[in-house]
Amino acid sequence: MVIRITILLLIVIILLVVWRNKKVYESFIDQYKEDITLPIIAPLAFAMIDKLKLYRRLPKLINAIHQKMIILRGSKLSGDYTKIYLAKIITLLTVMLLFTMVLVEVSDGGNINLIYGLILMVVVSVFLVKDLDKKVKQRKDSIIIELPEFVNKIILLVNAGETVQGAMKKSVDQQKNRVLESPLYFELNEAVNKMTANTSFQEVMKDLNYRCGIQEVSIFTTTVMMNYRKGGSLLVQSLNELSVSLWDKRKTVTRIKGEEASSKLVFPIIFIFAAVLLVVIYPAIASF
């Protein structure tokens, strides 16, 4: 009876908070609707973030999320996406809490189900934070894999008499259909757009380095900025030396990803082997 009253009270509080804060966050939710988890109750999560002042109470957690969002979404939108990700965590935990309490009410498990539910909520919270690390690593690996090919295109175009800016633009134009899929070409497309808007080349390279946030891109931008005024053979020579190291790095990343893929196949292979073994020996066992 107590659990049932608590569930009803919690639902009433959720609906009341959502109703009172719907207009406050309406424009923000409409702007990022595709990225927000359960937009219908998102005002609850955003209100909790602001009213409870979570940015002050959980500075380490929020700063860790914010730093990853700078890499994944860029510095301009990182603040908004940090808030969206916090709202996602709060929304999922709220739904899980309601589900756990309903499960406790309808089942015979009693308090043990409540304990399991609370443990699961902690596990999900940790997983959501760690999932950002996985996405950052995937983005970094994707950039490292694609960067050597891009550098080779720059070398070929510069050798053909093209400027570095023109070579970058042509390389990006060839991959226009992959801009949204490729982290590297997404950032390069942003750089090309800034060059088109007459932003200085040095500023464009610095911004590209900052937004990508990996050492390999930093070396590329530094190499280009140090040699692009000289142009010609000096720039090409520097980029050729860089290309060799980038291809070695790509081979390393590819090998690691292959080892990870093969390790994931171990358990399915063991399961299949056990199933085949059972099929083979079952007739022999049944004959005894």
Foldseek 3Di string as FASTA:
>chain_A
DVLVVVLVVLVVVQVVQCVVQCVVCVVVCVVCVVLADPSSSLSVLLCCCVVVVVCVVPVVLLVLQLVLLCQVPNPVCSVSVSSRLSSNLVVVLSVLQSVLSVCLVVDPPHVVSVVVSVVVSVVVSVCSSVVSVVVLVVLLLLCLQCVLVLLVQLLVVLQVVDASLRSLVVSLVVCVVCLVPHSLSVLSVVLNVVVVVVDDNLVSLVSSCSNNVDDLSVQVSVLCVVCRVVGDPSSSVSSVVSSVVSVVVNVVSVVVVVVVVVVVCPVVVVVVVVVVVCVVCVVVVVVD
